[in-house]
Amino acid sequence: MRRLLAASVLLLAACRTAAPPALVTERQPPLVATPPAPPVPPPAPIPEPRIALVLGGGAARGFAHIGVIRVLEQERIPVSLVVGTSVGSLIGALYASHKDSFELEWTAFQLDRDDLFDFGLVNAVVGMGYAKGEKLEKFVRESVKQRDIEQLRVPFAAVAADLNWGQTVVLDKGSVARAVRASSAIPGVFEPVEHQGKLLVDGGVVDNIPIDVAKAKGADLVIAVDIGADVGNTNIKNVVDVILQASDIMFAVNVGFRRQGADVLVQPKVGGVGMLDFTKKKECMLAGIQATRDAMPRIRAAIDQWKARKALEGRPRG
C-alpha cells in the first residue's frame, strides 16, 4: 500500500503543468487621433477677359464695321468696350446705344452721304471746311437713344485731335452726338468742332486705330479693325479729292506701327472704296463679315491664352 501510494503521488506530480510565465511587455503610449486634413478649396472660376473693339476711320468704308460686329455677336464674343475714330466712332456709338447688330445694320443702311455732309459754297469760302457737320450731329442725336456717353449700354469712347496743340483727345463723357461729330471732322472737309474747351478735328490725324486708348481704359484684349485705303490713287480731280487723298495717306502712315499693338487685327478688303462712295455699303459689310470669320480662330486663341495665363496666376504655389 505504501508503495502504491508513493507511486500515485509521483504520477500526480508528473501530470501537473507549470503555470505559464508572465508576459513582460513594454509600456505603449496612448493612441492620439490625427485631425482630418482641411478640405481643399475649389479653384476660383476663371474670369472672362474684358474685350475692347477698336474701330478705325475711313468714312464710307466704315460699313465694314457693321459686318465685323455682326459676326462677333453671332460667335458670342463679348464686347465690353468700344473705342472709335472718325466713322469708327459713328458706328461704335450706334452699336453702344443698341447693343444689337441688326438694329445697327438697319440704322446704318438708311444713312446716305447727304445725311452727313452738309456741303455749302459759302461755308467753303468764309468757313474752315466745306461742310459744317451739323447734319452728322443731328443724325447721331436722332439715332442714338441716350444723350450722354455715360448712359450708353456699352462703355464707349471717341477719339479726336486737338487742332491747336496736336494732342489726342479721348471723349468718354458728355454729348454722344457732339463727340462723334468732333471725332469725324476730317480737316478741310468738315469745320473743326468746339467741344469741352478745345478745337477738335478728326481723330485720325493723331491715331486712326486707337488701340492704346482701349488699353489705357482697362481692356484685357483688343480686337482692332483697320479699314484704311489703298493709298495709290490716280483719280484726283478737285480740291476735295486732294484733301481726302492727303487724309488717306496721313491715316495710313500713323496706323502702320500702331496696329501692331492689337491682340487681333481684322482687315476687311475695302481699300479700294472711296471715302465718299456710299454706293458700296453692302460690299463693305460683306468684306467685314468675311474678314472677321477668317479672324475667328485667332480671336478664340487669344481668349484661350489669356484664360490660361489667368489660371496659372490663380494656382496656389507649391
C-alpha atoms as a PDB file:
ATOM      1  CA  MET A   1       0.000   0.000   0.000  1.00  0.00           C
ATOM      2  CA  ARG A   2       2.820   2.306   0.898  1.00  0.00           C
ATOM      3  CA  ARG A   3       4.476   1.604  -2.402  1.00  0.00           C
ATOM      4  CA  LEU A   4       1.174   2.059  -4.227  1.00  0.00           C
ATOM      5  CA  LEU A   5       0.520   5.441  -2.557  1.00  0.00           C
ATOM      6  CA  ALA A   6       4.034   6.608  -3.339  1.00  0.00           C
ATOM      7  CA  ALA A   7       3.628   5.651  -6.962  1.00  0.00           C
ATOM      8  CA  SER A   8       0.300   7.527  -7.137  1.00  0.00           C
ATOM      9  CA  VAL A   9       1.867  10.664  -5.664  1.00  0.00           C
ATOM     10  CA  LEU A  10       4.728  10.538  -8.172  1.00  0.00           C
ATOM     11  CA  LEU A  11       2.260  10.043 -11.030  1.00  0.00           C
ATOM     12  CA  LEU A  12       0.164  13.061  -9.955  1.00  0.00           C
ATOM     13  CA  ALA A  13       3.256  15.211  -9.650  1.00  0.00           C
ATOM     14  CA  ALA A  14       4.321  14.272 -13.174  1.00  0.00           C
ATOM     15  CA  CYS A  15       0.875  15.239 -14.576  1.00  0.00           C
ATOM     16  CA  ARG A  16       0.930  18.785 -13.101  1.00  0.00           C
ATOM     17  CA  THR A  17       1.855  21.517 -15.593  1.00  0.00           C
ATOM     18  CA  ALA A  18       3.751  24.591 -14.677  1.00  0.00           C
ATOM     19  CA  ALA A  19       1.974  27.916 -14.896  1.00  0.00           C
ATOM     20  CA  PRO A  20       2.992  29.877 -17.986  1.00  0.00           C
ATOM     21  CA  PRO A  21       5.496  32.567 -17.276  1.00  0.00           C
ATOM     22  CA  ALA A  22       4.070  36.060 -17.062  1.00  0.00           C
ATOM     23  CA  LEU A  23       4.482  38.088 -20.295  1.00  0.00           C
ATOM     24  CA  VAL A  24       6.573  41.220 -19.909  1.00  0.00           C
ATOM     25  CA  THR A  25       5.556  43.992 -22.363  1.00  0.00           C
ATOM     26  CA  GLU A  26       6.873  47.475 -22.899  1.00  0.00           C
ATOM     27  CA  ARG A  27       4.573  50.331 -21.956  1.00  0.00           C
ATOM     28  CA  GLN A  28       2.874  51.714 -25.153  1.00  0.00           C
ATOM     29  CA  PRO A  29       1.946  55.402 -25.452  1.00  0.00           C
ATOM     30  CA  PRO A  30      -1.763  56.121 -25.688  1.00  0.00           C
ATOM     31  CA  LEU A  31      -3.167  56.437 -29.240  1.00  0.00           C
ATOM     32  CA  VAL A  32      -3.836  60.048 -30.360  1.00  0.00           C
ATOM     33  CA  ALA A  33      -6.385  60.659 -33.168  1.00  0.00           C
ATOM     34  CA  THR A  34      -4.909  62.537 -36.184  1.00  0.00           C
ATOM     35  CA  PRO A  35      -7.088  65.539 -37.084  1.00  0.00           C
ATOM     36  CA  PRO A  36      -8.533  65.363 -40.629  1.00  0.00           C
ATOM     37  CA  ALA A  37      -6.819  67.459 -43.284  1.00  0.00           C
ATOM     38  CA  PRO A  38      -8.692  70.678 -44.103  1.00  0.00           C
ATOM     39  CA  PRO A  39     -10.727  70.440 -47.306  1.00  0.00           C
ATOM     40  CA  VAL A  40      -9.015  71.754 -50.427  1.00  0.00           C
ATOM     41  CA  PRO A  41     -10.975  74.798 -51.665  1.00  0.00           C
ATOM     42  CA  PRO A  42     -12.210  74.556 -55.255  1.00  0.00           C
ATOM     43  CA  PRO A  43     -10.226  76.605 -57.766  1.00  0.00           C
ATOM     44  CA  ALA A  44     -11.516  80.111 -58.318  1.00  0.00           C
ATOM     45  CA  PRO A  45     -13.527  80.462 -61.524  1.00  0.00           C
ATOM     46  CA  ILE A  46     -11.540  81.960 -64.398  1.00  0.00           C
ATOM     47  CA  PRO A  47     -12.998  85.348 -65.374  1.00  0.00           C
ATOM     48  CA  GLU A  48     -13.811  86.362 -68.904  1.00  0.00           C
ATOM     49  CA  PRO A  49     -11.403  88.892 -70.455  1.00  0.00           C
ATOM     50  CA  ARG A  50     -12.525  92.472 -70.948  1.00  0.00           C
ATOM     51  CA  ILE A  51     -12.519  92.705 -74.743  1.00  0.00           C
ATOM     52  CA  ALA A  52     -12.302  96.074 -76.483  1.00  0.00           C
ATOM     53  CA  LEU A  53     -13.431  96.573 -80.066  1.00  0.00           C
ATOM     54  CA  VAL A  54     -11.411  99.352 -81.702  1.00  0.00           C
ATOM     55  CA  LEU A  55     -12.910 100.732 -84.915  1.00  0.00           C
ATOM     56  CA  GLY A  56     -10.695 102.739 -87.241  1.00  0.00           C
ATOM     57  CA  GLY A  57     -11.560 105.641 -89.525  1.00  0.00           C
ATOM     58  CA  GLY A  58     -12.239 105.517 -93.262  1.00  0.00           C
ATOM     59  CA  ALA A  59     -15.544 107.325 -93.989  1.00  0.00           C
ATOM     60  CA  ALA A  60     -17.777 105.208 -96.299  1.00  0.00           C
ATOM     61  CA  ARG A  61     -15.534 102.165 -95.752  1.00  0.00           C
ATOM     62  CA  GLY A  62     -16.919 102.164 -92.212  1.00  0.00           C
ATOM     63  CA  PHE A  63     -19.844  99.989 -93.312  1.00  0.00           C
ATOM     64  CA  ALA A  64     -17.345  97.124 -92.969  1.00  0.00           C
ATOM     65  CA  HIS A  65     -17.507  97.667 -89.195  1.00  0.00           C
ATOM     66  CA  ILE A  66     -21.134  96.536 -89.268  1.00  0.00           C
ATOM     67  CA  GLY A  67     -20.123  93.156 -90.721  1.00  0.00           C
ATOM     68  CA  VAL A  68     -17.428  92.769 -88.078  1.00  0.00           C
ATOM     69  CA  ILE A  69     -19.889  93.427 -85.271  1.00  0.00           C
ATOM     70  CA  ARG A  70     -22.454  91.038 -86.741  1.00  0.00           C
ATOM     71  CA  VAL A  71     -20.000  88.104 -86.722  1.00  0.00           C
ATOM     72  CA  LEU A  72     -18.716  88.875 -83.212  1.00  0.00           C
ATOM     73  CA  GLU A  73     -22.293  88.872 -81.996  1.00  0.00           C
ATOM     74  CA  GLN A  74     -23.108  85.608 -83.804  1.00  0.00           C
ATOM     75  CA  GLU A  75     -19.991  83.968 -82.341  1.00  0.00           C
ATOM     76  CA  ARG A  76     -20.876  85.237 -78.842  1.00  0.00           C
ATOM     77  CA  ILE A  77     -17.666  87.190 -78.411  1.00  0.00           C
ATOM     78  CA  PRO A  78     -18.456  89.598 -75.556  1.00  0.00           C
ATOM     79  CA  VAL A  79     -17.534  93.208 -76.289  1.00  0.00           C
ATOM     80  CA  SER A  80     -17.005  95.165 -73.080  1.00  0.00           C
ATOM     81  CA  LEU A  81     -15.705  98.417 -74.557  1.00  0.00           C
ATOM     82  CA  VAL A  82     -15.928 100.224 -77.906  1.00  0.00           C
ATOM     83  CA  VAL A  83     -13.370 102.837 -78.962  1.00  0.00           C
ATOM     84  CA  GLY A  84     -13.666 104.549 -82.338  1.00  0.00           C
ATOM     85  CA  THR A  85     -12.055 107.166 -84.521  1.00  0.00           C
ATOM     86  CA  SER A  86     -13.964 109.098 -87.198  1.00  0.00           C
ATOM     87  CA  VAL A  87     -16.543 106.781 -88.829  1.00  0.00           C
ATOM     88  CA  GLY A  88     -15.456 104.199 -86.268  1.00  0.00           C
ATOM     89  CA  SER A  89     -16.843 106.493 -83.580  1.00  0.00           C
ATOM     90  CA  LEU A  90     -20.117 106.818 -85.513  1.00  0.00           C
ATOM     91  CA  ILE A  91     -20.640 103.061 -85.954  1.00  0.00           C
ATOM     92  CA  GLY A  92     -19.310 102.439 -82.452  1.00  0.00           C
ATOM     93  CA  ALA A  93     -21.769 104.873 -80.870  1.00  0.00           C
ATOM     94  CA  LEU A  94     -24.712 103.357 -82.732  1.00  0.00           C
ATOM     95  CA  TYR A  95     -23.735  99.881 -81.532  1.00  0.00           C
ATOM     96  CA  ALA A  96     -23.009 101.021 -77.970  1.00  0.00           C
ATOM     97  CA  SER A  97     -26.507 102.512 -77.873  1.00  0.00           C
ATOM     98  CA  HIS A  98     -28.442  99.453 -79.094  1.00  0.00           C
ATOM     99  CA  LYS A  99     -26.007  96.556 -78.495  1.00  0.00           C
ATOM    100  CA  ASP A 100     -27.734  94.803 -81.370  1.00  0.00           C
ATOM    101  CA  SER A 101     -26.102  94.221 -84.756  1.00  0.00           C
ATOM    102  CA  PHE A 102     -29.432  94.005 -86.595  1.00  0.00           C
ATOM    103  CA  GLU A 103     -30.598  97.329 -85.178  1.00  0.00           C
ATOM    104  CA  LEU A 104     -27.216  98.777 -86.084  1.00  0.00           C
ATOM    105  CA  GLU A 105     -27.468  97.464 -89.638  1.00  0.00           C
ATOM    106  CA  TRP A 106     -30.980  98.802 -90.083  1.00  0.00           C
ATOM    107  CA  THR A 107     -29.978 102.265 -88.857  1.00  0.00           C
ATOM    108  CA  ALA A 108     -26.691 102.481 -90.761  1.00  0.00           C
ATOM    109  CA  PHE A 109     -28.092 101.311 -94.084  1.00  0.00           C
ATOM    110  CA  GLN A 110     -30.584 104.174 -94.078  1.00  0.00           C
ATOM    111  CA  LEU A 111     -27.603 106.503 -93.979  1.00  0.00           C
ATOM    112  CA  ASP A 112     -26.541 108.309 -97.127  1.00  0.00           C
ATOM    113  CA  ARG A 113     -23.881 110.871 -97.915  1.00  0.00           C
ATOM    114  CA  ASP A 114     -26.348 113.765 -97.854  1.00  0.00           C
ATOM    115  CA  ASP A 115     -27.316 112.806 -94.292  1.00  0.00           C
ATOM    116  CA  LEU A 116     -23.776 113.537 -93.123  1.00  0.00           C
ATOM    117  CA  PHE A 117     -22.175 116.065 -95.452  1.00  0.00           C
ATOM    118  CA  ASP A 118     -23.827 119.490 -95.444  1.00  0.00           C
ATOM    119  CA  PHE A 119     -21.629 120.989 -98.139  1.00  0.00           C
ATOM    120  CA  GLY A 120     -22.064 124.690 -98.830  1.00  0.00           C
ATOM    121  CA  LEU A 121     -20.235 127.098-101.107  1.00  0.00           C
ATOM    122  CA  VAL A 122     -20.488 129.983 -98.646  1.00  0.00           C
ATOM    123  CA  ASN A 123     -19.180 127.802 -95.862  1.00  0.00           C
ATOM    124  CA  ALA A 124     -16.222 126.776 -98.025  1.00  0.00           C
ATOM    125  CA  VAL A 125     -15.346 130.406 -98.734  1.00  0.00           C
ATOM    126  CA  VAL A 126     -15.788 132.003 -95.313  1.00  0.00           C
ATOM    127  CA  GLY A 127     -15.629 128.972 -93.024  1.00  0.00           C
ATOM    128  CA  MET A 128     -12.967 126.396 -92.139  1.00  0.00           C
ATOM    129  CA  GLY A 129     -14.367 123.492 -94.135  1.00  0.00           C
ATOM    130  CA  TYR A 130     -16.684 122.604 -96.997  1.00  0.00           C
ATOM    131  CA  ALA A 131     -19.239 121.144 -94.578  1.00  0.00           C
ATOM    132  CA  LYS A 132     -20.305 122.268 -91.130  1.00  0.00           C
ATOM    133  CA  GLY A 133     -21.043 118.834 -89.695  1.00  0.00           C
ATOM    134  CA  GLU A 134     -24.404 119.845 -88.269  1.00  0.00           C
ATOM    135  CA  LYS A 135     -26.189 117.146 -90.310  1.00  0.00           C
ATOM    136  CA  LEU A 136     -23.893 114.489 -88.903  1.00  0.00           C
ATOM    137  CA  GLU A 137     -24.525 115.655 -85.344  1.00  0.00           C
ATOM    138  CA  LYS A 138     -28.280 115.709 -85.961  1.00  0.00           C
ATOM    139  CA  PHE A 139     -28.236 112.170 -87.387  1.00  0.00           C
ATOM    140  CA  VAL A 140     -26.439 110.835 -84.302  1.00  0.00           C
ATOM    141  CA  ARG A 141     -28.738 112.733 -81.948  1.00  0.00           C
ATOM    142  CA  GLU A 142     -31.812 111.215 -83.632  1.00  0.00           C
ATOM    143  CA  SER A 143     -30.368 107.688 -83.948  1.00  0.00           C
ATOM    144  CA  VAL A 144     -28.802 107.185 -80.532  1.00  0.00           C
ATOM    145  CA  LYS A 145     -31.302 106.717 -77.711  1.00  0.00           C
ATOM    146  CA  GLN A 146     -29.045 108.089 -74.999  1.00  0.00           C
ATOM    147  CA  ARG A 147     -27.962 111.710 -74.868  1.00  0.00           C
ATOM    148  CA  ASP A 148     -24.682 111.265 -72.994  1.00  0.00           C
ATOM    149  CA  ILE A 149     -21.856 108.775 -73.389  1.00  0.00           C
ATOM    150  CA  GLU A 150     -22.150 107.705 -69.755  1.00  0.00           C
ATOM    151  CA  GLN A 151     -25.675 106.401 -70.461  1.00  0.00           C
ATOM    152  CA  LEU A 152     -24.765 104.099 -73.367  1.00  0.00           C
ATOM    153  CA  ARG A 153     -25.320 100.361 -72.940  1.00  0.00           C
ATOM    154  CA  VAL A 154     -21.678  99.571 -73.757  1.00  0.00           C
ATOM    155  CA  PRO A 155     -18.793 101.716 -72.440  1.00  0.00           C
ATOM    156  CA  PHE A 156     -17.659 103.924 -75.303  1.00  0.00           C
ATOM    157  CA  ALA A 157     -15.012 106.484 -76.221  1.00  0.00           C
ATOM    158  CA  ALA A 158     -14.500 108.584 -79.334  1.00  0.00           C
ATOM    159  CA  VAL A 159     -11.036 109.848 -80.258  1.00  0.00           C
ATOM    160  CA  ALA A 160     -10.426 113.323 -81.679  1.00  0.00           C
ATOM    161  CA  ALA A 161      -7.389 115.539 -82.217  1.00  0.00           C
ATOM    162  CA  ASP A 162      -6.733 118.915 -80.618  1.00  0.00           C
ATOM    163  CA  LEU A 163      -6.151 121.178 -83.630  1.00  0.00           C
ATOM    164  CA  ASN A 164      -4.294 123.795 -81.577  1.00  0.00           C
ATOM    165  CA  TRP A 165      -1.839 121.508 -79.805  1.00  0.00           C
ATOM    166  CA  GLY A 166      -1.811 118.268 -81.789  1.00  0.00           C
ATOM    167  CA  GLN A 167      -2.809 116.122 -78.816  1.00  0.00           C
ATOM    168  CA  THR A 168      -5.045 113.053 -78.700  1.00  0.00           C
ATOM    169  CA  VAL A 169      -8.359 113.819 -77.009  1.00  0.00           C
ATOM    170  CA  VAL A 170     -10.436 110.958 -75.605  1.00  0.00           C
ATOM    171  CA  LEU A 171     -14.130 111.807 -75.435  1.00  0.00           C
ATOM    172  CA  ASP A 172     -15.783 109.445 -72.948  1.00  0.00           C
ATOM    173  CA  LYS A 173     -18.186 111.842 -71.237  1.00  0.00           C
ATOM    174  CA  GLY A 174     -20.866 114.258 -72.322  1.00  0.00           C
ATOM    175  CA  SER A 175     -22.842 114.511 -75.553  1.00  0.00           C
ATOM    176  CA  VAL A 176     -22.637 111.452 -77.813  1.00  0.00           C
ATOM    177  CA  ALA A 177     -23.583 113.426 -80.931  1.00  0.00           C
ATOM    178  CA  ARG A 178     -21.027 116.158 -80.310  1.00  0.00           C
ATOM    179  CA  ALA A 179     -18.262 113.662 -79.611  1.00  0.00           C
ATOM    180  CA  VAL A 180     -18.935 111.764 -82.854  1.00  0.00           C
ATOM    181  CA  ARG A 181     -19.055 114.998 -84.843  1.00  0.00           C
ATOM    182  CA  ALA A 182     -15.708 116.103 -83.419  1.00  0.00           C
ATOM    183  CA  SER A 183     -14.084 112.695 -83.977  1.00  0.00           C
ATOM    184  CA  SER A 184     -15.305 112.685 -87.610  1.00  0.00           C
ATOM    185  CA  ALA A 185     -14.333 116.243 -88.578  1.00  0.00           C
ATOM    186  CA  ILE A 186     -11.946 115.494 -91.469  1.00  0.00           C
ATOM    187  CA  PRO A 187      -9.716 118.594 -91.767  1.00  0.00           C
ATOM    188  CA  GLY A 188     -10.657 120.688 -94.781  1.00  0.00           C
ATOM    189  CA  VAL A 189     -13.881 118.741 -95.365  1.00  0.00           C
ATOM    190  CA  PHE A 190     -15.662 119.474 -92.066  1.00  0.00           C
ATOM    191  CA  GLU A 191     -15.246 122.523 -89.892  1.00  0.00           C
ATOM    192  CA  PRO A 192     -13.360 121.939 -86.635  1.00  0.00           C
ATOM    193  CA  VAL A 193     -15.636 121.451 -83.633  1.00  0.00           C
ATOM    194  CA  GLU A 194     -15.503 123.438 -80.428  1.00  0.00           C
ATOM    195  CA  HIS A 195     -16.104 120.936 -77.639  1.00  0.00           C
ATOM    196  CA  GLN A 196     -15.091 120.759 -73.988  1.00  0.00           C
ATOM    197  CA  GLY A 197     -12.964 123.870 -74.319  1.00  0.00           C
ATOM    198  CA  LYS A 198     -10.937 122.581 -77.282  1.00  0.00           C
ATOM    199  CA  LEU A 199     -10.950 122.976 -81.051  1.00  0.00           C
ATOM    200  CA  LEU A 200     -11.206 119.408 -82.337  1.00  0.00           C
ATOM    201  CA  VAL A 201     -10.815 117.614 -85.667  1.00  0.00           C
ATOM    202  CA  ASP A 202     -10.844 114.019 -86.906  1.00  0.00           C
ATOM    203  CA  GLY A 203      -9.030 111.666 -84.539  1.00  0.00           C
ATOM    204  CA  GLY A 204      -7.317 110.014 -87.490  1.00  0.00           C
ATOM    205  CA  VAL A 205      -4.909 112.957 -87.569  1.00  0.00           C
ATOM    206  CA  VAL A 206      -3.221 111.563 -84.437  1.00  0.00           C
ATOM    207  CA  ASP A 207      -4.493 107.983 -84.058  1.00  0.00           C
ATOM    208  CA  ASN A 208      -6.676 106.283 -86.636  1.00  0.00           C
ATOM    209  CA  ILE A 209      -6.757 102.976 -84.720  1.00  0.00           C
ATOM    210  CA  PRO A 210      -6.739 103.982 -81.029  1.00  0.00           C
ATOM    211  CA  ILE A 211      -5.503 100.705 -79.544  1.00  0.00           C
ATOM    212  CA  ASP A 212      -3.539 102.478 -76.808  1.00  0.00           C
ATOM    213  CA  VAL A 213      -6.695 104.266 -75.685  1.00  0.00           C
ATOM    214  CA  ALA A 214      -8.524 100.950 -75.267  1.00  0.00           C
ATOM    215  CA  LYS A 215      -5.671  99.502 -73.207  1.00  0.00           C
ATOM    216  CA  ALA A 216      -5.492 102.611 -71.048  1.00  0.00           C
ATOM    217  CA  LYS A 217      -9.205 102.154 -70.324  1.00  0.00           C
ATOM    218  CA  GLY A 218      -8.596  98.656 -68.955  1.00  0.00           C
ATOM    219  CA  ALA A 219      -9.019  96.309 -71.928  1.00  0.00           C
ATOM    220  CA  ASP A 220      -7.504  92.831 -71.463  1.00  0.00           C
ATOM    221  CA  LEU A 221      -7.709  92.024 -75.180  1.00  0.00           C
ATOM    222  CA  VAL A 222      -8.055  94.354 -78.165  1.00  0.00           C
ATOM    223  CA  ILE A 223      -9.721  93.433 -81.454  1.00  0.00           C
ATOM    224  CA  ALA A 224      -8.850  96.257 -83.868  1.00  0.00           C
ATOM    225  CA  VAL A 225     -10.470  96.836 -87.262  1.00  0.00           C
ATOM    226  CA  ASP A 226      -8.378  98.559 -89.933  1.00  0.00           C
ATOM    227  CA  ILE A 227     -10.348  99.935 -92.896  1.00  0.00           C
ATOM    228  CA  GLY A 228      -7.522 102.015 -94.309  1.00  0.00           C
ATOM    229  CA  ALA A 229      -7.382 102.823 -98.008  1.00  0.00           C
ATOM    230  CA  ASP A 230      -5.042 101.630-100.705  1.00  0.00           C
ATOM    231  CA  VAL A 231      -3.163 104.928-100.890  1.00  0.00           C
ATOM    232  CA  GLY A 232      -2.418 104.680-104.606  1.00  0.00           C
ATOM    233  CA  ASN A 233      -4.923 106.937-106.382  1.00  0.00           C
ATOM    234  CA  THR A 234      -4.670 108.437-109.864  1.00  0.00           C
ATOM    235  CA  ASN A 235      -8.250 109.724-109.950  1.00  0.00           C
ATOM    236  CA  ILE A 236      -7.758 113.068-108.205  1.00  0.00           C
ATOM    237  CA  LYS A 237      -9.777 115.807-109.912  1.00  0.00           C
ATOM    238  CA  ASN A 238     -10.675 118.551-107.432  1.00  0.00           C
ATOM    239  CA  VAL A 239      -9.776 120.092-104.104  1.00  0.00           C
ATOM    240  CA  VAL A 240     -11.962 117.673-102.136  1.00  0.00           C
ATOM    241  CA  ASP A 241     -10.181 114.743-103.780  1.00  0.00           C
ATOM    242  CA  VAL A 242      -6.870 116.313-102.791  1.00  0.00           C
ATOM    243  CA  ILE A 243      -7.959 116.672 -99.159  1.00  0.00           C
ATOM    244  CA  LEU A 244      -9.312 113.120 -98.970  1.00  0.00           C
ATOM    245  CA  GLN A 245      -6.234 111.615-100.609  1.00  0.00           C
ATOM    246  CA  ALA A 246      -3.962 113.529 -98.229  1.00  0.00           C
ATOM    247  CA  SER A 247      -6.074 112.267 -95.323  1.00  0.00           C
ATOM    248  CA  ASP A 248      -5.805 108.664 -96.520  1.00  0.00           C
ATOM    249  CA  ILE A 249      -2.022 108.955 -96.733  1.00  0.00           C
ATOM    250  CA  MET A 250      -1.821 110.529 -93.281  1.00  0.00           C
ATOM    251  CA  PHE A 251      -4.064 107.870 -91.741  1.00  0.00           C
ATOM    252  CA  ALA A 252      -2.091 105.052 -93.378  1.00  0.00           C
ATOM    253  CA  VAL A 253       1.201 106.395 -92.013  1.00  0.00           C
ATOM    254  CA  ASN A 254       0.053 106.731 -88.407  1.00  0.00           C
ATOM    255  CA  VAL A 255      -1.668 103.322 -88.464  1.00  0.00           C
ATOM    256  CA  GLY A 256       1.389 101.488 -89.768  1.00  0.00           C
ATOM    257  CA  PHE A 257       3.061 100.984 -86.408  1.00  0.00           C
ATOM    258  CA  ARG A 258       0.108 101.462 -84.046  1.00  0.00           C
ATOM    259  CA  ARG A 259      -1.864  98.449 -85.288  1.00  0.00           C
ATOM    260  CA  GLN A 260       0.899  96.135 -84.056  1.00  0.00           C
ATOM    261  CA  GLY A 261      -0.450  96.663 -80.538  1.00  0.00           C
ATOM    262  CA  ALA A 262      -3.693  94.794 -81.269  1.00  0.00           C
ATOM    263  CA  ASP A 263      -4.163  91.273 -79.945  1.00  0.00           C
ATOM    264  CA  VAL A 264      -6.156  90.519 -83.111  1.00  0.00           C
ATOM    265  CA  LEU A 265      -6.176  92.753 -86.194  1.00  0.00           C
ATOM    266  CA  VAL A 266      -9.123  92.461 -88.594  1.00  0.00           C
ATOM    267  CA  GLN A 267      -8.561  93.964 -92.049  1.00  0.00           C
ATOM    268  CA  PRO A 268     -11.616  93.928 -94.348  1.00  0.00           C
ATOM    269  CA  LYS A 269     -10.685  94.231 -98.004  1.00  0.00           C
ATOM    270  CA  VAL A 270     -12.229  97.645 -98.628  1.00  0.00           C
ATOM    271  CA  GLY A 271      -9.112  99.646 -99.514  1.00  0.00           C
ATOM    272  CA  GLY A 272     -10.364 100.391-103.000  1.00  0.00           C
ATOM    273  CA  VAL A 273     -13.606 102.027-101.838  1.00  0.00           C
ATOM    274  CA  GLY A 274     -13.550 105.832-101.895  1.00  0.00           C
ATOM    275  CA  MET A 275     -14.140 107.749 -98.673  1.00  0.00           C
ATOM    276  CA  LEU A 276     -17.346 109.292-100.033  1.00  0.00           C
ATOM    277  CA  ASP A 277     -18.581 106.289-102.028  1.00  0.00           C
ATOM    278  CA  PHE A 278     -21.816 105.341-100.273  1.00  0.00           C
ATOM    279  CA  THR A 279     -22.911 103.088-103.145  1.00  0.00           C
ATOM    280  CA  LYS A 280     -20.892 100.136-101.831  1.00  0.00           C
ATOM    281  CA  LYS A 281     -22.439  99.704 -98.387  1.00  0.00           C
ATOM    282  CA  LYS A 282     -23.297  96.037 -98.929  1.00  0.00           C
ATOM    283  CA  GLU A 283     -19.891  95.253-100.407  1.00  0.00           C
ATOM    284  CA  CYS A 284     -18.145  96.800 -97.417  1.00  0.00           C
ATOM    285  CA  MET A 285     -20.331  94.979 -94.911  1.00  0.00           C
ATOM    286  CA  LEU A 286     -19.721  91.614 -96.608  1.00  0.00           C
ATOM    287  CA  ALA A 287     -15.976  92.311 -96.555  1.00  0.00           C
ATOM    288  CA  GLY A 288     -16.234  92.917 -92.813  1.00  0.00           C
ATOM    289  CA  ILE A 289     -18.122  89.655 -92.333  1.00  0.00           C
ATOM    290  CA  GLN A 290     -15.557  87.641 -94.286  1.00  0.00           C
ATOM    291  CA  ALA A 291     -12.547  89.221 -92.601  1.00  0.00           C
ATOM    292  CA  THR A 292     -13.981  88.540 -89.128  1.00  0.00           C
ATOM    293  CA  ARG A 293     -14.835  84.926 -89.934  1.00  0.00           C
ATOM    294  CA  ASP A 294     -11.261  84.475 -91.112  1.00  0.00           C
ATOM    295  CA  ALA A 295     -10.038  86.019 -87.847  1.00  0.00           C
ATOM    296  CA  MET A 296     -12.208  83.906 -85.518  1.00  0.00           C
ATOM    297  CA  PRO A 297      -9.547  81.196 -84.881  1.00  0.00           C
ATOM    298  CA  ARG A 298      -7.118  83.952 -83.829  1.00  0.00           C
ATOM    299  CA  ILE A 299      -9.741  85.611 -81.644  1.00  0.00           C
ATOM    300  CA  ARG A 300     -10.588  82.372 -79.826  1.00  0.00           C
ATOM    301  CA  ALA A 301      -6.888  81.509 -79.447  1.00  0.00           C
ATOM    302  CA  ALA A 302      -6.228  84.926 -77.885  1.00  0.00           C
ATOM    303  CA  ILE A 303      -9.094  84.413 -75.413  1.00  0.00           C
ATOM    304  CA  ASP A 304      -7.894  80.881 -74.518  1.00  0.00           C
ATOM    305  CA  GLN A 305      -4.318  82.080 -73.995  1.00  0.00           C
ATOM    306  CA  TRP A 306      -5.493  84.893 -71.737  1.00  0.00           C
ATOM    307  CA  LYS A 307      -7.563  82.462 -69.656  1.00  0.00           C
ATOM    308  CA  ALA A 308      -4.637  80.030 -69.422  1.00  0.00           C
ATOM    309  CA  ARG A 309      -2.423  82.805 -68.045  1.00  0.00           C
ATOM    310  CA  LYS A 310      -5.106  83.726 -65.520  1.00  0.00           C
ATOM    311  CA  ALA A 311      -5.419  80.081 -64.430  1.00  0.00           C
ATOM    312  CA  LEU A 312      -1.665  79.907 -63.782  1.00  0.00           C
ATOM    313  CA  GLU A 313      -1.731  83.151 -61.842  1.00  0.00           C
ATOM    314  CA  GLY A 314      -4.528  81.820 -59.628  1.00  0.00           C
ATOM    315  CA  ARG A 315      -2.890  78.447 -58.932  1.00  0.00           C
ATOM    316  CA  PRO A 316      -1.514  78.201 -55.320  1.00  0.00           C
ATOM    317  CA  ARG A 317       2.278  77.954 -55.118  1.00  0.00           C
ATOM    318  CA  GLY A 318       3.765  74.616 -54.090  1.00  0.00           C
END
